Amino acid sequence: MPRGIARDHAEKRTALRKGAAEYFARHGFDRASMTGAARHCGISKALIYHYHDSKEALLFDILEAHLSHLVTVVEAAADQGLGGLIGAILAAYEDADAEHKLQLEALAALPPEMQAPLIAAQRRLVQVMADALRAERPGLEGDRLRALVMTVFGILNWFYMWHRPGKGLDRGAYAALATEFVKGGLRRV
């Protein structure tokens, strides 16, 4: 008789994703190993392979969970206007620095068939932001709209890349500042 799924399967898998994301982000996905990820997570190599049959499968699971969460968050905030969307994104980025770093730096390490659904999720994030910018400044289209969407994400990524906890603005204050900055810029383009 096959063994059933443990009651805490989902929690263990979530913890494994979080620990492996930290390990991969710190060491670089290309230099990291499943053995090192298991060690970092405090589990056996056999247990990590129970959940994921390869390093790429583990990376996909990390990125798919991260991007799915972001898509859910932005879709829920889409009707709250640009400020609500920016605040929701910054809140969703909290405690996800490793996942965000992997999204930016390691997605290309996956085979195309694994990249495709992740890229589709990224495109959905871009579309929701484009809709919010268009709502603020009707008539924006094409290359100008795309450039502005990527600029907003660059502004939001500042918090992940350079902000240090406990120094300067908190996420809420930065979200308000970023919203004011973006709205001011949109009025001038």
N, C-alpha and C. Protein backbone atom coordinates (compact mmCIF):
# COMPACT_ATOMS: atom_id res chain seq x y z
N MET A 1 0.84 -1.16 0.00
CA MET A 1 0.00 0.00 0.00
C MET A 1 0.90 1.24 0.00
N PRO A 2 0.63 2.22 -0.92
CA PRO A 2 1.46 3.42 -0.96
C PRO A 2 1.27 4.28 0.28
N ARG A 3 2.34 4.95 0.63
CA ARG A 3 2.31 5.83 1.78
C ARG A 3 1.53 7.10 1.45
N GLY A 4 0.70 7.56 2.35
CA GLY A 4 -0.08 8.78 2.15
C GLY A 4 0.77 10.02 2.37
N ILE A 5 0.17 11.14 2.06
CA ILE A 5 0.86 12.42 2.26
C ILE A 5 0.75 12.82 3.72
N ALA A 6 1.85 13.25 4.27
CA ALA A 6 1.88 13.66 5.68
C ALA A 6 0.99 14.87 5.90
N ARG A 7 0.46 15.00 7.10
CA ARG A 7 -0.42 16.12 7.44
C ARG A 7 0.28 17.46 7.26
N ASP A 8 1.57 17.50 7.51
CA ASP A 8 2.30 18.76 7.42
C ASP A 8 3.08 18.90 6.11
N HIS A 9 2.67 18.17 5.09
CA HIS A 9 3.34 18.19 3.79
C HIS A 9 3.45 19.61 3.23
N ALA A 10 2.35 20.35 3.23
CA ALA A 10 2.35 21.70 2.66
C ALA A 10 3.27 22.63 3.45
N GLU A 11 3.25 22.52 4.77
CA GLU A 11 4.10 23.37 5.59
C GLU A 11 5.58 23.05 5.36
N LYS A 12 5.90 21.76 5.26
CA LYS A 12 7.29 21.38 5.00
C LYS A 12 7.75 21.87 3.64
N ARG A 13 6.88 21.75 2.66
CA ARG A 13 7.22 22.20 1.31
C ARG A 13 7.42 23.72 1.28
N THR A 14 6.58 24.46 1.99
CA THR A 14 6.73 25.91 2.07
C THR A 14 8.05 26.27 2.73
N ALA A 15 8.38 25.63 3.83
CA ALA A 15 9.64 25.89 4.52
C ALA A 15 10.83 25.53 3.64
N LEU A 16 10.72 24.44 2.91
CA LEU A 16 11.79 24.04 2.00
C LEU A 16 11.98 25.09 0.91
N ARG A 17 10.88 25.57 0.33
CA ARG A 17 10.97 26.62 -0.69
C ARG A 17 11.68 27.86 -0.14
N LYS A 18 11.27 28.28 1.06
CA LYS A 18 11.84 29.49 1.67
C LYS A 18 13.33 29.31 1.93
N GLY A 19 13.71 28.20 2.55
CA GLY A 19 15.12 27.95 2.85
C GLY A 19 15.96 27.80 1.60
N ALA A 20 15.45 27.08 0.63
CA ALA A 20 16.20 26.89 -0.62
C ALA A 20 16.33 28.20 -1.37
N ALA A 21 15.30 29.03 -1.35
CA ALA A 21 15.38 30.34 -2.01
C ALA A 21 16.50 31.18 -1.38
N GLU A 22 16.57 31.17 -0.06
CA GLU A 22 17.63 31.92 0.62
C GLU A 22 19.00 31.39 0.21
N TYR A 23 19.14 30.08 0.20
CA TYR A 23 20.42 29.46 -0.16
C TYR A 23 20.79 29.77 -1.62
N PHE A 24 19.85 29.57 -2.54
CA PHE A 24 20.12 29.83 -3.96
C PHE A 24 20.46 31.30 -4.19
N ALA A 25 19.73 32.20 -3.55
CA ALA A 25 19.96 33.63 -3.73
C ALA A 25 21.33 34.03 -3.18
N ARG A 26 21.70 33.47 -2.07
CA ARG A 26 22.98 33.82 -1.44
C ARG A 26 24.17 33.29 -2.24
N HIS A 27 24.06 32.08 -2.75
CA HIS A 27 25.20 31.44 -3.40
C HIS A 27 25.16 31.52 -4.93
N GLY A 28 24.05 31.95 -5.48
CA GLY A 28 23.88 31.94 -6.94
C GLY A 28 23.36 30.59 -7.37
N PHE A 29 22.28 30.58 -8.12
CA PHE A 29 21.66 29.32 -8.50
C PHE A 29 22.62 28.41 -9.25
N ASP A 30 23.42 28.98 -10.13
CA ASP A 30 24.34 28.16 -10.92
C ASP A 30 25.41 27.49 -10.08
N ARG A 31 25.79 28.07 -8.95
CA ARG A 31 26.81 27.49 -8.09
C ARG A 31 26.23 26.66 -6.94
N ALA A 32 24.93 26.77 -6.73
CA ALA A 32 24.29 26.08 -5.61
C ALA A 32 24.04 24.61 -5.96
N SER A 33 23.86 23.81 -4.91
CA SER A 33 23.59 22.38 -5.10
C SER A 33 22.39 21.97 -4.26
N MET A 34 21.82 20.85 -4.61
CA MET A 34 20.72 20.31 -3.81
C MET A 34 21.23 19.90 -2.43
N THR A 35 22.44 19.39 -2.37
CA THR A 35 23.03 19.03 -1.08
C THR A 35 23.15 20.26 -0.19
N GLY A 36 23.66 21.35 -0.76
CA GLY A 36 23.78 22.59 0.00
C GLY A 36 22.43 23.13 0.42
N ALA A 37 21.43 23.04 -0.46
CA ALA A 37 20.08 23.50 -0.12
C ALA A 37 19.52 22.67 1.03
N ALA A 38 19.70 21.37 0.96
CA ALA A 38 19.21 20.50 2.04
C ALA A 38 19.90 20.84 3.35
N ARG A 39 21.20 21.02 3.30
CA ARG A 39 21.95 21.37 4.50
C ARG A 39 21.45 22.70 5.07
N HIS A 40 21.27 23.69 4.20
CA HIS A 40 20.80 25.01 4.64
C HIS A 40 19.41 24.91 5.30
N CYS A 41 18.58 24.03 4.76
CA CYS A 41 17.22 23.86 5.29
C CYS A 41 17.17 22.95 6.52
N GLY A 42 18.29 22.30 6.83
CA GLY A 42 18.33 21.42 7.99
C GLY A 42 17.60 20.10 7.76
N ILE A 43 17.62 19.65 6.51
CA ILE A 43 16.95 18.39 6.18
C ILE A 43 17.93 17.50 5.42
N SER A 44 17.53 16.27 5.22
CA SER A 44 18.40 15.35 4.49
C SER A 44 18.25 15.57 2.98
N LYS A 45 19.27 15.16 2.27
CA LYS A 45 19.23 15.22 0.81
C LYS A 45 18.10 14.35 0.29
N ALA A 46 17.85 13.23 0.93
CA ALA A 46 16.76 12.35 0.52
C ALA A 46 15.41 13.05 0.64
N LEU A 47 15.24 13.83 1.70
CA LEU A 47 13.96 14.53 1.88
C LEU A 47 13.77 15.62 0.84
N ILE A 48 14.83 16.32 0.49
CA ILE A 48 14.68 17.35 -0.53
C ILE A 48 14.28 16.72 -1.86
N TYR A 49 14.84 15.54 -2.15
CA TYR A 49 14.48 14.84 -3.38
C TYR A 49 13.08 14.20 -3.30
N HIS A 50 12.56 14.04 -2.11
CA HIS A 50 11.18 13.58 -1.96
C HIS A 50 10.21 14.62 -2.53
N TYR A 51 10.58 15.90 -2.37
CA TYR A 51 9.72 16.99 -2.82
C TYR A 51 10.04 17.45 -4.24
N HIS A 52 11.30 17.37 -4.64
CA HIS A 52 11.71 17.89 -5.95
C HIS A 52 12.77 16.98 -6.54
N ASP A 53 12.56 16.59 -7.79
CA ASP A 53 13.49 15.63 -8.40
C ASP A 53 14.73 16.27 -9.00
N SER A 54 14.79 17.61 -9.01
CA SER A 54 15.97 18.28 -9.54
C SER A 54 16.06 19.69 -8.97
N LYS A 55 17.22 20.29 -9.14
CA LYS A 55 17.43 21.66 -8.70
C LYS A 55 16.51 22.60 -9.49
N GLU A 56 16.34 22.31 -10.77
CA GLU A 56 15.47 23.13 -11.61
C GLU A 56 14.01 23.02 -11.17
N ALA A 57 13.58 21.83 -10.78
CA ALA A 57 12.20 21.65 -10.30
C ALA A 57 11.98 22.44 -9.01
N LEU A 58 12.99 22.47 -8.16
CA LEU A 58 12.89 23.24 -6.92
C LEU A 58 12.83 24.73 -7.22
N LEU A 59 13.69 25.21 -8.11
CA LEU A 59 13.66 26.62 -8.50
C LEU A 59 12.30 26.98 -9.10
N PHE A 60 11.79 26.12 -9.97
CA PHE A 60 10.47 26.38 -10.56
C PHE A 60 9.41 26.49 -9.47
N ASP A 61 9.44 25.60 -8.52
CA ASP A 61 8.45 25.62 -7.42
C ASP A 61 8.55 26.92 -6.64
N ILE A 62 9.78 27.36 -6.36
CA ILE A 62 9.99 28.62 -5.63
C ILE A 62 9.40 29.78 -6.42
N LEU A 63 9.77 29.87 -7.70
CA LEU A 63 9.32 31.00 -8.52
C LEU A 63 7.83 30.95 -8.82
N GLU A 64 7.31 29.76 -9.01
CA GLU A 64 5.88 29.64 -9.30
C GLU A 64 5.06 30.06 -8.09
N ALA A 65 5.46 29.66 -6.91
CA ALA A 65 4.75 30.06 -5.69
C ALA A 65 4.85 31.57 -5.49
N HIS A 66 6.04 32.13 -5.68
CA HIS A 66 6.26 33.57 -5.52
C HIS A 66 5.42 34.36 -6.52
N LEU A 67 5.51 34.02 -7.79
CA LEU A 67 4.80 34.78 -8.81
C LEU A 67 3.29 34.59 -8.72
N SER A 68 2.85 33.39 -8.37
CA SER A 68 1.41 33.17 -8.18
C SER A 68 0.87 34.05 -7.07
N HIS A 69 1.64 34.14 -5.98
CA HIS A 69 1.23 35.01 -4.87
C HIS A 69 1.16 36.47 -5.33
N LEU A 70 2.17 36.93 -6.07
CA LEU A 70 2.18 38.30 -6.55
C LEU A 70 0.99 38.58 -7.47
N VAL A 71 0.70 37.66 -8.37
CA VAL A 71 -0.44 37.84 -9.27
C VAL A 71 -1.74 37.93 -8.47
N THR A 72 -1.91 37.07 -7.50
CA THR A 72 -3.11 37.10 -6.66
C THR A 72 -3.22 38.45 -5.95
N VAL A 73 -2.11 38.93 -5.42
CA VAL A 73 -2.10 40.21 -4.70
C VAL A 73 -2.45 41.37 -5.63
N VAL A 74 -1.80 41.43 -6.80
CA VAL A 74 -2.05 42.57 -7.68
C VAL A 74 -3.45 42.53 -8.28
N GLU A 75 -3.96 41.35 -8.56
CA GLU A 75 -5.32 41.27 -9.08
C GLU A 75 -6.33 41.71 -8.02
N ALA A 76 -6.08 41.38 -6.77
CA ALA A 76 -6.97 41.80 -5.69
C ALA A 76 -6.89 43.31 -5.46
N ALA A 77 -5.73 43.91 -5.74
CA ALA A 77 -5.54 45.35 -5.51
C ALA A 77 -5.83 46.19 -6.75
N ALA A 78 -6.10 45.57 -7.88
CA ALA A 78 -6.24 46.30 -9.14
C ALA A 78 -7.32 47.38 -9.08
N ASP A 79 -8.38 47.15 -8.34
CA ASP A 79 -9.46 48.14 -8.29
C ASP A 79 -9.23 49.21 -7.22
N GLN A 80 -8.08 49.20 -6.57
CA GLN A 80 -7.76 50.18 -5.53
C GLN A 80 -6.96 51.36 -6.07
N GLY A 81 -6.80 51.44 -7.37
CA GLY A 81 -6.05 52.53 -7.97
C GLY A 81 -4.56 52.30 -7.88
N LEU A 82 -3.82 53.24 -8.45
CA LEU A 82 -2.37 53.11 -8.53
C LEU A 82 -1.72 53.03 -7.15
N GLY A 83 -2.16 53.87 -6.22
CA GLY A 83 -1.59 53.85 -4.87
C GLY A 83 -1.83 52.54 -4.16
N GLY A 84 -3.03 52.00 -4.30
CA GLY A 84 -3.33 50.71 -3.68
C GLY A 84 -2.51 49.59 -4.28
N LEU A 85 -2.32 49.65 -5.59
CA LEU A 85 -1.52 48.64 -6.28
C LEU A 85 -0.06 48.71 -5.86
N ILE A 86 0.50 49.90 -5.82
CA ILE A 86 1.90 50.06 -5.40
C ILE A 86 2.08 49.58 -3.96
N GLY A 87 1.17 49.96 -3.08
CA GLY A 87 1.26 49.51 -1.68
C GLY A 87 1.16 48.01 -1.57
N ALA A 88 0.27 47.41 -2.34
CA ALA A 88 0.09 45.94 -2.29
C ALA A 88 1.34 45.21 -2.78
N ILE A 89 1.94 45.72 -3.84
CA ILE A 89 3.15 45.09 -4.37
C ILE A 89 4.28 45.17 -3.35
N LEU A 90 4.48 46.35 -2.78
CA LEU A 90 5.55 46.49 -1.79
C LEU A 90 5.29 45.60 -0.57
N ALA A 91 4.05 45.48 -0.15
CA ALA A 91 3.73 44.59 0.97
C ALA A 91 4.01 43.14 0.61
N ALA A 92 3.68 42.76 -0.63
CA ALA A 92 3.91 41.37 -1.06
C ALA A 92 5.40 41.06 -1.19
N TYR A 93 6.20 42.07 -1.49
CA TYR A 93 7.65 41.87 -1.59
C TYR A 93 8.30 41.64 -0.23
N GLU A 94 7.62 42.03 0.86
CA GLU A 94 8.22 41.90 2.19
C GLU A 94 8.50 40.43 2.48
N ASP A 95 9.65 40.16 3.01
CA ASP A 95 10.09 38.80 3.34
C ASP A 95 10.23 37.90 2.11
N ALA A 96 10.32 38.50 0.93
CA ALA A 96 10.48 37.71 -0.29
C ALA A 96 11.70 38.16 -1.08
N ASP A 97 12.69 38.72 -0.40
CA ASP A 97 13.88 39.21 -1.10
C ASP A 97 14.59 38.10 -1.87
N ALA A 98 14.74 36.95 -1.27
CA ALA A 98 15.44 35.85 -1.95
C ALA A 98 14.66 35.41 -3.18
N GLU A 99 13.36 35.26 -3.05
CA GLU A 99 12.53 34.85 -4.17
C GLU A 99 12.58 35.89 -5.29
N HIS A 100 12.54 37.15 -4.89
CA HIS A 100 12.58 38.24 -5.87
C HIS A 100 13.92 38.24 -6.60
N LYS A 101 15.00 38.05 -5.86
CA LYS A 101 16.33 37.99 -6.48
C LYS A 101 16.40 36.83 -7.48
N LEU A 102 15.87 35.69 -7.11
CA LEU A 102 15.87 34.55 -8.03
C LEU A 102 15.02 34.82 -9.26
N GLN A 103 13.89 35.50 -9.06
CA GLN A 103 13.04 35.85 -10.20
C GLN A 103 13.83 36.69 -11.20
N LEU A 104 14.59 37.65 -10.69
CA LEU A 104 15.33 38.55 -11.55
C LEU A 104 16.59 37.90 -12.14
N GLU A 105 17.22 37.00 -11.39
CA GLU A 105 18.54 36.51 -11.80
C GLU A 105 18.59 35.06 -12.28
N ALA A 106 17.65 34.22 -11.88
CA ALA A 106 17.80 32.79 -12.16
C ALA A 106 16.73 32.20 -13.06
N LEU A 107 15.69 32.93 -13.37
CA LEU A 107 14.62 32.38 -14.20
C LEU A 107 15.16 31.83 -15.51
N ALA A 108 16.12 32.52 -16.10
CA ALA A 108 16.68 32.09 -17.39
C ALA A 108 17.43 30.76 -17.30
N ALA A 109 17.74 30.29 -16.09
CA ALA A 109 18.43 29.01 -15.94
C ALA A 109 17.50 27.83 -16.16
N LEU A 110 16.20 28.10 -16.16
CA LEU A 110 15.22 27.02 -16.34
C LEU A 110 15.02 26.73 -17.83
N PRO A 111 14.65 25.48 -18.15
CA PRO A 111 14.35 25.17 -19.55
C PRO A 111 13.10 25.94 -20.01
N PRO A 112 12.97 26.19 -21.31
CA PRO A 112 11.87 27.00 -21.83
C PRO A 112 10.48 26.58 -21.37
N GLU A 113 10.24 25.28 -21.28
CA GLU A 113 8.90 24.83 -20.88
C GLU A 113 8.59 25.17 -19.41
N MET A 114 9.62 25.32 -18.60
CA MET A 114 9.41 25.74 -17.21
C MET A 114 9.33 27.27 -17.12
N GLN A 115 10.04 27.95 -17.99
CA GLN A 115 10.01 29.41 -17.99
C GLN A 115 8.64 29.95 -18.42
N ALA A 116 8.00 29.27 -19.37
CA ALA A 116 6.79 29.80 -20.00
C ALA A 116 5.69 30.22 -19.01
N PRO A 117 5.29 29.38 -18.05
CA PRO A 117 4.23 29.83 -17.13
C PRO A 117 4.69 30.94 -16.19
N LEU A 118 5.98 30.98 -15.90
CA LEU A 118 6.51 32.03 -15.03
C LEU A 118 6.53 33.37 -15.77
N ILE A 119 6.92 33.33 -17.02
CA ILE A 119 6.91 34.54 -17.85
C ILE A 119 5.48 35.02 -18.04
N ALA A 120 4.55 34.09 -18.19
CA ALA A 120 3.13 34.48 -18.31
C ALA A 120 2.66 35.19 -17.04
N ALA A 121 3.09 34.74 -15.89
CA ALA A 121 2.73 35.40 -14.62
C ALA A 121 3.36 36.80 -14.57
N GLN A 122 4.60 36.92 -14.99
CA GLN A 122 5.24 38.24 -15.03
C GLN A 122 4.49 39.17 -15.96
N ARG A 123 4.07 38.66 -17.09
CA ARG A 123 3.32 39.48 -18.04
C ARG A 123 1.99 39.93 -17.44
N ARG A 124 1.38 39.08 -16.64
CA ARG A 124 0.13 39.48 -15.98
C ARG A 124 0.39 40.63 -15.01
N LEU A 125 1.48 40.57 -14.27
CA LEU A 125 1.85 41.66 -13.37
C LEU A 125 2.03 42.96 -14.15
N VAL A 126 2.70 42.87 -15.27
CA VAL A 126 2.94 44.04 -16.13
C VAL A 126 1.61 44.58 -16.65
N GLN A 127 0.71 43.70 -17.05
CA GLN A 127 -0.59 44.13 -17.58
C GLN A 127 -1.42 44.86 -16.54
N VAL A 128 -1.44 44.35 -15.33
CA VAL A 128 -2.21 45.01 -14.26
C VAL A 128 -1.63 46.40 -13.99
N MET A 129 -0.30 46.52 -13.96
CA MET A 129 0.31 47.83 -13.74
C MET A 129 0.02 48.75 -14.92
N ALA A 130 0.08 48.22 -16.14
CA ALA A 130 -0.23 49.04 -17.32
C ALA A 130 -1.65 49.57 -17.24
N ASP A 131 -2.58 48.73 -16.84
CA ASP A 131 -3.97 49.16 -16.70
C ASP A 131 -4.10 50.28 -15.66
N ALA A 132 -3.37 50.17 -14.55
CA ALA A 132 -3.42 51.19 -13.51
C ALA A 132 -2.83 52.51 -14.01
N LEU A 133 -1.74 52.43 -14.76
CA LEU A 133 -1.14 53.65 -15.30
C LEU A 133 -2.06 54.29 -16.34
N ARG A 134 -2.68 53.47 -17.18
CA ARG A 134 -3.63 53.98 -18.18
C ARG A 134 -4.83 54.63 -17.53
N ALA A 135 -5.25 54.10 -16.38
CA ALA A 135 -6.38 54.69 -15.66
C ALA A 135 -6.00 56.08 -15.14
N GLU A 136 -4.75 56.25 -14.74
CA GLU A 136 -4.26 57.55 -14.26
C GLU A 136 -4.03 58.52 -15.41
N ARG A 137 -3.58 57.99 -16.54
CA ARG A 137 -3.22 58.83 -17.69
C ARG A 137 -3.73 58.18 -18.96
N PRO A 138 -5.02 58.36 -19.24
CA PRO A 138 -5.59 57.76 -20.46
C PRO A 138 -4.80 58.17 -21.71
N GLY A 139 -4.75 57.27 -22.63
CA GLY A 139 -4.05 57.53 -23.89
C GLY A 139 -2.64 56.97 -23.94
N LEU A 140 -2.11 56.55 -22.81
CA LEU A 140 -0.78 55.94 -22.83
C LEU A 140 -0.86 54.59 -23.53
N GLU A 141 0.02 54.36 -24.47
CA GLU A 141 0.04 53.10 -25.22
C GLU A 141 1.45 52.79 -25.67
N GLY A 142 1.63 51.62 -26.23
CA GLY A 142 2.85 51.23 -26.91
C GLY A 142 4.11 51.31 -26.06
N ASP A 143 5.18 51.76 -26.72
CA ASP A 143 6.49 51.80 -26.09
C ASP A 143 6.53 52.74 -24.89
N ARG A 144 5.80 53.86 -24.96
CA ARG A 144 5.80 54.80 -23.83
C ARG A 144 5.17 54.15 -22.60
N LEU A 145 4.07 53.45 -22.80
CA LEU A 145 3.41 52.78 -21.67
C LEU A 145 4.32 51.70 -21.10
N ARG A 146 4.90 50.89 -21.96
CA ARG A 146 5.79 49.82 -21.49
C ARG A 146 6.97 50.39 -20.71
N ALA A 147 7.56 51.47 -21.23
CA ALA A 147 8.69 52.10 -20.54
C ALA A 147 8.26 52.61 -19.17
N LEU A 148 7.08 53.19 -19.08
CA LEU A 148 6.59 53.70 -17.80
C LEU A 148 6.29 52.57 -16.82
N VAL A 149 5.72 51.47 -17.31
CA VAL A 149 5.45 50.31 -16.45
C VAL A 149 6.77 49.79 -15.87
N MET A 150 7.78 49.63 -16.72
CA MET A 150 9.06 49.10 -16.25
C MET A 150 9.73 50.10 -15.31
N THR A 151 9.52 51.39 -15.52
CA THR A 151 10.06 52.40 -14.62
C THR A 151 9.43 52.28 -13.24
N VAL A 152 8.11 52.07 -13.20
CA VAL A 152 7.44 51.90 -11.90
C VAL A 152 7.98 50.67 -11.19
N PHE A 153 8.13 49.56 -11.90
CA PHE A 153 8.68 48.37 -11.25
C PHE A 153 10.12 48.62 -10.79
N GLY A 154 10.87 49.41 -11.53
CA GLY A 154 12.22 49.78 -11.09
C GLY A 154 12.18 50.57 -9.78
N ILE A 155 11.22 51.49 -9.69
CA ILE A 155 11.06 52.27 -8.47
C ILE A 155 10.71 51.34 -7.30
N LEU A 156 9.83 50.39 -7.54
CA LEU A 156 9.44 49.45 -6.48
C LEU A 156 10.59 48.54 -6.11
N ASN A 157 11.39 48.16 -7.08
CA ASN A 157 12.54 47.29 -6.80
C ASN A 157 13.61 47.99 -5.99
N TRP A 158 13.60 49.32 -5.96
CA TRP A 158 14.56 50.04 -5.12
C TRP A 158 14.45 49.55 -3.68
N PHE A 159 13.22 49.37 -3.23
CA PHE A 159 13.05 48.96 -1.83
C PHE A 159 13.71 47.61 -1.58
N TYR A 160 13.54 46.70 -2.50
CA TYR A 160 14.16 45.37 -2.38
C TYR A 160 15.68 45.45 -2.50
N MET A 161 16.16 46.26 -3.44
CA MET A 161 17.59 46.27 -3.76
C MET A 161 18.44 47.06 -2.75
N TRP A 162 17.96 48.22 -2.34
CA TRP A 162 18.84 49.12 -1.60
C TRP A 162 18.35 49.52 -0.22
N HIS A 163 17.10 49.42 0.06
CA HIS A 163 16.60 49.83 1.37
C HIS A 163 17.10 48.87 2.44
N ARG A 164 17.42 49.40 3.59
CA ARG A 164 17.84 48.57 4.71
C ARG A 164 16.81 48.70 5.82
N PRO A 165 16.32 47.57 6.33
CA PRO A 165 15.30 47.61 7.38
C PRO A 165 15.73 48.48 8.56
N GLY A 166 14.79 49.26 9.06
CA GLY A 166 15.05 50.11 10.21
C GLY A 166 15.72 51.43 9.87
N LYS A 167 16.00 51.67 8.60
CA LYS A 167 16.65 52.91 8.18
C LYS A 167 15.76 53.59 7.14
N GLY A 168 15.54 54.86 7.32
CA GLY A 168 14.76 55.61 6.34
C GLY A 168 13.29 55.28 6.40
N LEU A 169 12.64 55.42 5.27
CA LEU A 169 11.19 55.21 5.16
C LEU A 169 10.82 53.74 5.35
N ASP A 170 9.66 53.50 5.95
CA ASP A 170 9.14 52.13 5.99
C ASP A 170 8.39 51.88 4.68
N ARG A 171 7.91 50.66 4.49
CA ARG A 171 7.24 50.30 3.23
C ARG A 171 6.03 51.18 2.93
N GLY A 172 5.23 51.44 3.95
CA GLY A 172 4.04 52.25 3.74
C GLY A 172 4.38 53.66 3.31
N ALA A 173 5.35 54.27 3.98
CA ALA A 173 5.76 55.63 3.62
C ALA A 173 6.41 55.65 2.24
N TYR A 174 7.19 54.61 1.93
CA TYR A 174 7.79 54.56 0.60
C TYR A 174 6.72 54.36 -0.47
N ALA A 175 5.71 53.55 -0.19
CA ALA A 175 4.62 53.34 -1.15
C ALA A 175 3.92 54.67 -1.44
N ALA A 176 3.68 55.46 -0.41
CA ALA A 176 3.03 56.76 -0.60
C ALA A 176 3.93 57.69 -1.42
N LEU A 177 5.23 57.72 -1.11
CA LEU A 177 6.17 58.55 -1.85
C LEU A 177 6.26 58.11 -3.31
N ALA A 178 6.37 56.81 -3.54
CA ALA A 178 6.46 56.28 -4.90
C ALA A 178 5.19 56.61 -5.69
N THR A 179 4.03 56.48 -5.05
CA THR A 179 2.77 56.79 -5.73
C THR A 179 2.73 58.27 -6.11
N GLU A 180 3.09 59.13 -5.18
CA GLU A 180 3.10 60.57 -5.44
C GLU A 180 4.06 60.90 -6.59
N PHE A 181 5.22 60.28 -6.57
CA PHE A 181 6.24 60.49 -7.60
C PHE A 181 5.73 60.04 -8.97
N VAL A 182 5.15 58.85 -9.03
CA VAL A 182 4.66 58.31 -10.30
C VAL A 182 3.50 59.15 -10.81
N LYS A 183 2.56 59.48 -9.96
CA LYS A 183 1.42 60.31 -10.40
C LYS A 183 1.89 61.67 -10.90
N GLY A 184 2.85 62.26 -10.21
CA GLY A 184 3.39 63.53 -10.66
C GLY A 184 4.05 63.41 -12.03
N GLY A 185 4.79 62.35 -12.22
CA GLY A 185 5.42 62.12 -13.52
C GLY A 185 4.41 61.87 -14.62
N LEU A 186 3.35 61.12 -14.31
CA LEU A 186 2.33 60.85 -15.30
C LEU A 186 1.62 62.12 -15.76
N ARG A 187 1.44 63.07 -14.86
CA ARG A 187 0.81 64.34 -15.23
C ARG A 187 1.65 65.12 -16.23
N ARG A 188 2.95 64.84 -16.26
CA ARG A 188 3.86 65.63 -17.11
C ARG A 188 4.21 64.94 -18.42
N VAL A 189 3.86 63.68 -18.58
CA VAL A 189 4.20 63.00 -19.85
C VAL A 189 3.08 63.12 -20.85
